[in-house]
Amino acid sequence: MLTTSEKDALYILIAATLGDDLSIRSRKSQFNNRTFDVVEDMIIANMDCNANLRELIVDLLGGSSMLTRGWLKQILKTSKNKIKEMDLHGYGCLVSTKSRWKSAIVTSVIW
C-alpha cells in the first residue's frame, strides 16, 4: 500500500507529463504499485519524445542509464520540487503520451 505522500508525488509526475487530468486526479487515492509500474513504463517509452523529460530522468537517476523496475518509487520522495519546475509539455509529446497512457493509468487502480 502506498503512502499519501507517495501518491501525491506520483500524481505530480503524471501531471507534469500528461497535464492535470481530473479523471486521473480523482483516482489518486487508489494509486497502487501497478500505477507505479504503468508510469514507469510510460516514462521509459517516452524518454526520446521530449528533451526535458530525458534530462529529468538522467538527473533523477544520478546520471545512470540503467532503469530497473522500482526506480520510480525510490526517487520520487526526493524529486517532487524538481518535477514541478520542469516544462514537460511539448504539445506533440503531451498528445501522444496522453492518448497512449491515460487509460493504462486509470485502469491500474481498478484491478
N, C-alpha and C. Protein backbone atom coordinates (compact mmCIF):
# COMPACT_ATOMS: atom_id res chain seq x y z
N MET A 1 0.84 -1.18 0.00
CA MET A 1 0.00 0.00 0.00
C MET A 1 0.89 1.25 0.00
N LEU A 2 0.51 2.21 -0.80
CA LEU A 2 1.31 3.43 -0.92
C LEU A 2 0.89 4.44 0.14
N THR A 3 1.84 5.25 0.55
CA THR A 3 1.54 6.33 1.47
C THR A 3 0.89 7.48 0.70
N THR A 4 0.25 8.37 1.42
CA THR A 4 -0.35 9.55 0.79
C THR A 4 0.73 10.38 0.10
N SER A 5 1.88 10.49 0.71
CA SER A 5 2.98 11.25 0.13
C SER A 5 3.44 10.63 -1.19
N GLU A 6 3.53 9.30 -1.24
CA GLU A 6 3.93 8.63 -2.48
C GLU A 6 2.88 8.84 -3.57
N LYS A 7 1.61 8.79 -3.21
CA LYS A 7 0.53 9.01 -4.17
C LYS A 7 0.57 10.45 -4.69
N ASP A 8 0.81 11.40 -3.80
CA ASP A 8 0.91 12.80 -4.20
C ASP A 8 2.07 13.01 -5.16
N ALA A 9 3.22 12.45 -4.83
CA ALA A 9 4.42 12.59 -5.67
C ALA A 9 4.19 11.94 -7.04
N LEU A 10 3.54 10.79 -7.05
CA LEU A 10 3.26 10.13 -8.31
C LEU A 10 2.33 10.96 -9.17
N TYR A 11 1.31 11.56 -8.55
CA TYR A 11 0.41 12.40 -9.34
C TYR A 11 1.13 13.64 -9.89
N ILE A 12 2.02 14.20 -9.13
CA ILE A 12 2.79 15.36 -9.61
C ILE A 12 3.55 14.98 -10.88
N LEU A 13 4.16 13.80 -10.88
CA LEU A 13 4.88 13.35 -12.07
C LEU A 13 3.92 13.09 -13.24
N ILE A 14 2.79 12.47 -12.97
CA ILE A 14 1.80 12.22 -14.02
C ILE A 14 1.33 13.55 -14.61
N ALA A 15 0.99 14.50 -13.75
CA ALA A 15 0.50 15.81 -14.22
C ALA A 15 1.59 16.56 -14.97
N ALA A 16 2.85 16.41 -14.56
CA ALA A 16 3.94 17.07 -15.27
C ALA A 16 4.11 16.49 -16.67
N THR A 17 3.75 15.23 -16.83
CA THR A 17 3.91 14.56 -18.11
C THR A 17 2.68 14.68 -18.99
N LEU A 18 1.49 14.46 -18.41
CA LEU A 18 0.24 14.43 -19.18
C LEU A 18 -0.59 15.69 -19.05
N GLY A 19 -0.25 16.55 -18.11
CA GLY A 19 -1.09 17.69 -17.79
C GLY A 19 -2.07 17.28 -16.69
N ASP A 20 -2.63 18.27 -16.03
CA ASP A 20 -3.59 17.99 -14.96
C ASP A 20 -4.81 17.33 -15.58
N ASP A 21 -5.23 16.21 -15.03
CA ASP A 21 -6.34 15.45 -15.59
C ASP A 21 -7.27 15.03 -14.46
N LEU A 22 -8.51 15.49 -14.51
CA LEU A 22 -9.47 15.23 -13.44
C LEU A 22 -9.72 13.74 -13.26
N SER A 23 -9.83 12.98 -14.33
CA SER A 23 -10.13 11.56 -14.19
C SER A 23 -8.99 10.80 -13.52
N ILE A 24 -7.76 11.23 -13.73
CA ILE A 24 -6.62 10.61 -13.04
C ILE A 24 -6.52 11.15 -11.62
N ARG A 25 -6.63 12.47 -11.48
CA ARG A 25 -6.53 13.07 -10.14
C ARG A 25 -7.57 12.50 -9.19
N SER A 26 -8.78 12.24 -9.69
CA SER A 26 -9.85 11.72 -8.82
C SER A 26 -9.56 10.29 -8.36
N ARG A 27 -8.64 9.62 -9.00
CA ARG A 27 -8.27 8.25 -8.62
C ARG A 27 -6.97 8.20 -7.83
N LYS A 28 -6.40 9.35 -7.52
CA LYS A 28 -5.11 9.41 -6.83
C LYS A 28 -5.12 8.60 -5.53
N SER A 29 -6.21 8.63 -4.80
CA SER A 29 -6.25 7.88 -3.53
C SER A 29 -6.19 6.37 -3.75
N GLN A 30 -6.43 5.92 -4.97
CA GLN A 30 -6.41 4.50 -5.29
C GLN A 30 -5.11 4.06 -5.95
N PHE A 31 -4.16 4.98 -6.15
CA PHE A 31 -2.89 4.61 -6.76
C PHE A 31 -2.28 3.46 -5.98
N ASN A 32 -1.61 2.58 -6.70
CA ASN A 32 -1.00 1.40 -6.09
C ASN A 32 0.28 1.07 -6.83
N ASN A 33 0.87 -0.06 -6.51
CA ASN A 33 2.12 -0.44 -7.16
C ASN A 33 1.95 -0.66 -8.66
N ARG A 34 0.79 -1.10 -9.11
CA ARG A 34 0.55 -1.23 -10.55
C ARG A 34 0.59 0.13 -11.22
N THR A 35 0.10 1.16 -10.53
CA THR A 35 0.15 2.51 -11.08
C THR A 35 1.60 2.94 -11.26
N PHE A 36 2.46 2.66 -10.27
CA PHE A 36 3.88 2.96 -10.41
C PHE A 36 4.46 2.24 -11.62
N ASP A 37 4.09 0.97 -11.81
CA ASP A 37 4.61 0.21 -12.95
C ASP A 37 4.20 0.84 -14.28
N VAL A 38 2.93 1.26 -14.38
CA VAL A 38 2.44 1.88 -15.61
C VAL A 38 3.16 3.19 -15.87
N VAL A 39 3.33 4.00 -14.83
CA VAL A 39 4.00 5.30 -15.01
C VAL A 39 5.47 5.10 -15.37
N GLU A 40 6.13 4.12 -14.76
CA GLU A 40 7.50 3.80 -15.15
C GLU A 40 7.56 3.45 -16.64
N ASP A 41 6.65 2.58 -17.08
CA ASP A 41 6.62 2.19 -18.49
C ASP A 41 6.36 3.39 -19.39
N MET A 42 5.46 4.27 -18.97
CA MET A 42 5.15 5.47 -19.74
C MET A 42 6.39 6.34 -19.90
N ILE A 43 7.12 6.53 -18.83
CA ILE A 43 8.32 7.38 -18.87
C ILE A 43 9.38 6.77 -19.77
N ILE A 44 9.61 5.48 -19.62
CA ILE A 44 10.61 4.81 -20.43
C ILE A 44 10.24 4.89 -21.91
N ALA A 45 8.97 4.67 -22.23
CA ALA A 45 8.53 4.68 -23.62
C ALA A 45 8.62 6.07 -24.25
N ASN A 46 8.60 7.10 -23.44
CA ASN A 46 8.56 8.46 -23.98
C ASN A 46 9.80 9.29 -23.70
N MET A 47 10.87 8.66 -23.29
CA MET A 47 12.08 9.42 -22.96
C MET A 47 12.62 10.20 -24.15
N ASP A 48 12.49 9.68 -25.34
CA ASP A 48 13.02 10.36 -26.52
C ASP A 48 12.10 11.45 -27.05
N CYS A 49 10.87 11.49 -26.58
CA CYS A 49 9.89 12.43 -27.13
C CYS A 49 10.20 13.87 -26.73
N ASN A 50 10.69 14.06 -25.56
CA ASN A 50 10.86 15.41 -25.05
C ASN A 50 12.24 15.50 -24.39
N ALA A 51 13.06 16.37 -24.86
CA ALA A 51 14.42 16.50 -24.32
C ALA A 51 14.40 16.81 -22.83
N ASN A 52 13.43 17.59 -22.36
CA ASN A 52 13.35 17.89 -20.93
C ASN A 52 13.04 16.65 -20.11
N LEU A 53 12.21 15.76 -20.65
CA LEU A 53 11.91 14.52 -19.95
C LEU A 53 13.17 13.67 -19.83
N ARG A 54 13.93 13.59 -20.91
CA ARG A 54 15.18 12.83 -20.85
C ARG A 54 16.12 13.42 -19.80
N GLU A 55 16.24 14.75 -19.78
CA GLU A 55 17.10 15.41 -18.79
C GLU A 55 16.63 15.11 -17.37
N LEU A 56 15.31 15.15 -17.16
CA LEU A 56 14.76 14.85 -15.84
C LEU A 56 15.11 13.44 -15.40
N ILE A 57 14.94 12.48 -16.27
CA ILE A 57 15.22 11.09 -15.93
C ILE A 57 16.70 10.90 -15.61
N VAL A 58 17.57 11.48 -16.40
CA VAL A 58 19.01 11.38 -16.15
C VAL A 58 19.34 12.00 -14.79
N ASP A 59 18.77 13.17 -14.50
CA ASP A 59 19.01 13.82 -13.21
C ASP A 59 18.49 12.98 -12.05
N LEU A 60 17.29 12.43 -12.22
CA LEU A 60 16.70 11.63 -11.15
C LEU A 60 17.50 10.38 -10.86
N LEU A 61 18.07 9.81 -11.90
CA LEU A 61 18.86 8.59 -11.73
C LEU A 61 20.32 8.88 -11.42
N GLY A 62 20.65 10.14 -11.27
CA GLY A 62 22.02 10.49 -10.94
C GLY A 62 22.99 10.19 -12.06
N GLY A 63 22.52 10.32 -13.30
CA GLY A 63 23.37 10.07 -14.45
C GLY A 63 23.38 8.64 -14.92
N SER A 64 22.76 7.75 -14.20
CA SER A 64 22.74 6.35 -14.60
C SER A 64 21.81 6.14 -15.78
N SER A 65 22.21 5.28 -16.68
CA SER A 65 21.34 4.97 -17.81
C SER A 65 20.57 3.67 -17.58
N MET A 66 20.74 3.06 -16.43
CA MET A 66 20.08 1.79 -16.14
C MET A 66 18.74 2.05 -15.46
N LEU A 67 17.68 1.54 -16.07
CA LEU A 67 16.35 1.64 -15.49
C LEU A 67 15.93 0.24 -15.04
N THR A 68 15.86 0.03 -13.74
CA THR A 68 15.42 -1.25 -13.23
C THR A 68 14.08 -1.06 -12.55
N ARG A 69 13.23 -2.05 -12.61
CA ARG A 69 11.89 -1.98 -12.04
C ARG A 69 11.96 -1.48 -10.60
N GLY A 70 11.13 -0.51 -10.29
CA GLY A 70 11.07 0.06 -8.95
C GLY A 70 11.83 1.36 -8.78
N TRP A 71 12.55 1.81 -9.83
CA TRP A 71 13.35 3.03 -9.70
C TRP A 71 12.50 4.24 -9.40
N LEU A 72 11.30 4.30 -9.97
CA LEU A 72 10.47 5.49 -9.82
C LEU A 72 10.04 5.70 -8.37
N LYS A 73 9.58 4.65 -7.74
CA LYS A 73 9.12 4.75 -6.35
C LYS A 73 10.24 5.22 -5.43
N GLN A 74 11.44 4.77 -5.71
CA GLN A 74 12.59 5.11 -4.85
C GLN A 74 12.98 6.58 -4.96
N ILE A 75 12.88 7.16 -6.14
CA ILE A 75 13.39 8.52 -6.31
C ILE A 75 12.34 9.61 -6.18
N LEU A 76 11.07 9.27 -6.27
CA LEU A 76 10.04 10.31 -6.21
C LEU A 76 10.03 11.05 -4.87
N LYS A 77 10.40 10.39 -3.82
CA LYS A 77 10.37 11.00 -2.50
C LYS A 77 11.23 12.26 -2.43
N THR A 78 12.30 12.28 -3.17
CA THR A 78 13.22 13.42 -3.08
C THR A 78 13.15 14.34 -4.28
N SER A 79 12.27 14.07 -5.23
CA SER A 79 12.32 14.79 -6.50
C SER A 79 11.09 15.62 -6.81
N LYS A 80 10.14 15.75 -5.91
CA LYS A 80 8.90 16.45 -6.22
C LYS A 80 9.13 17.88 -6.69
N ASN A 81 9.98 18.62 -6.02
CA ASN A 81 10.20 20.02 -6.39
C ASN A 81 10.84 20.15 -7.76
N LYS A 82 11.76 19.29 -8.08
CA LYS A 82 12.41 19.33 -9.39
C LYS A 82 11.39 19.04 -10.49
N ILE A 83 10.51 18.10 -10.26
CA ILE A 83 9.49 17.76 -11.26
C ILE A 83 8.56 18.93 -11.49
N LYS A 84 8.16 19.62 -10.43
CA LYS A 84 7.26 20.77 -10.57
C LYS A 84 7.89 21.87 -11.42
N GLU A 85 9.21 21.99 -11.38
CA GLU A 85 9.89 23.05 -12.10
C GLU A 85 10.10 22.74 -13.58
N MET A 86 10.01 21.50 -13.98
CA MET A 86 10.29 21.10 -15.36
C MET A 86 9.14 21.48 -16.27
N ASP A 87 9.47 21.80 -17.51
CA ASP A 87 8.46 22.05 -18.53
C ASP A 87 8.45 20.85 -19.46
N LEU A 88 7.50 19.93 -19.23
CA LEU A 88 7.44 18.69 -19.99
C LEU A 88 6.29 18.69 -20.98
N HIS A 89 5.79 19.85 -21.33
CA HIS A 89 4.57 19.92 -22.12
C HIS A 89 4.79 20.28 -23.58
N GLY A 90 5.76 19.64 -24.22
CA GLY A 90 5.82 19.77 -25.67
C GLY A 90 4.51 19.22 -26.22
N TYR A 91 3.82 19.96 -27.05
CA TYR A 91 2.47 19.59 -27.45
C TYR A 91 2.39 18.20 -28.07
N GLY A 92 3.29 17.88 -28.96
CA GLY A 92 3.28 16.56 -29.59
C GLY A 92 3.47 15.45 -28.58
N CYS A 93 4.39 15.65 -27.66
CA CYS A 93 4.62 14.65 -26.62
C CYS A 93 3.40 14.52 -25.72
N LEU A 94 2.83 15.65 -25.35
CA LEU A 94 1.66 15.63 -24.48
C LEU A 94 0.52 14.84 -25.11
N VAL A 95 0.22 15.12 -26.36
CA VAL A 95 -0.89 14.46 -27.03
C VAL A 95 -0.63 12.96 -27.20
N SER A 96 0.53 12.61 -27.70
CA SER A 96 0.81 11.20 -27.93
C SER A 96 0.92 10.41 -26.63
N THR A 97 1.54 11.00 -25.63
CA THR A 97 1.68 10.32 -24.34
C THR A 97 0.32 10.14 -23.68
N LYS A 98 -0.48 11.19 -23.67
CA LYS A 98 -1.77 11.10 -23.02
C LYS A 98 -2.67 10.08 -23.72
N SER A 99 -2.67 10.08 -25.05
CA SER A 99 -3.53 9.14 -25.76
C SER A 99 -3.11 7.70 -25.53
N ARG A 100 -1.82 7.46 -25.32
CA ARG A 100 -1.32 6.10 -25.12
C ARG A 100 -1.42 5.63 -23.67
N TRP A 101 -1.19 6.52 -22.69
CA TRP A 101 -1.00 6.08 -21.31
C TRP A 101 -2.11 6.44 -20.34
N LYS A 102 -2.97 7.39 -20.65
CA LYS A 102 -4.01 7.79 -19.70
C LYS A 102 -4.89 6.61 -19.28
N SER A 103 -5.39 5.86 -20.24
CA SER A 103 -6.28 4.75 -19.89
C SER A 103 -5.55 3.68 -19.08
N ALA A 104 -4.27 3.45 -19.36
CA ALA A 104 -3.49 2.48 -18.58
C ALA A 104 -3.35 2.92 -17.13
N ILE A 105 -3.14 4.22 -16.91
CA ILE A 105 -3.04 4.74 -15.54
C ILE A 105 -4.37 4.60 -14.83
N VAL A 106 -5.45 4.98 -15.49
CA VAL A 106 -6.79 4.90 -14.89
C VAL A 106 -7.13 3.45 -14.54
N THR A 107 -6.88 2.52 -15.44
CA THR A 107 -7.23 1.14 -15.15
C THR A 107 -6.29 0.47 -14.15
N SER A 108 -5.11 1.04 -13.93
CA SER A 108 -4.19 0.44 -12.96
C SER A 108 -4.76 0.46 -11.54
N VAL A 109 -5.68 1.36 -11.27
CA VAL A 109 -6.24 1.46 -9.91
C VAL A 109 -7.47 0.59 -9.74
N ILE A 110 -7.97 0.03 -10.84
CA ILE A 110 -9.19 -0.75 -10.79
C ILE A 110 -8.91 -2.19 -10.36
N TRP A 111 -7.80 -2.75 -10.80
CA TRP A 111 -7.52 -4.16 -10.56
C TRP A 111 -7.04 -4.41 -9.18
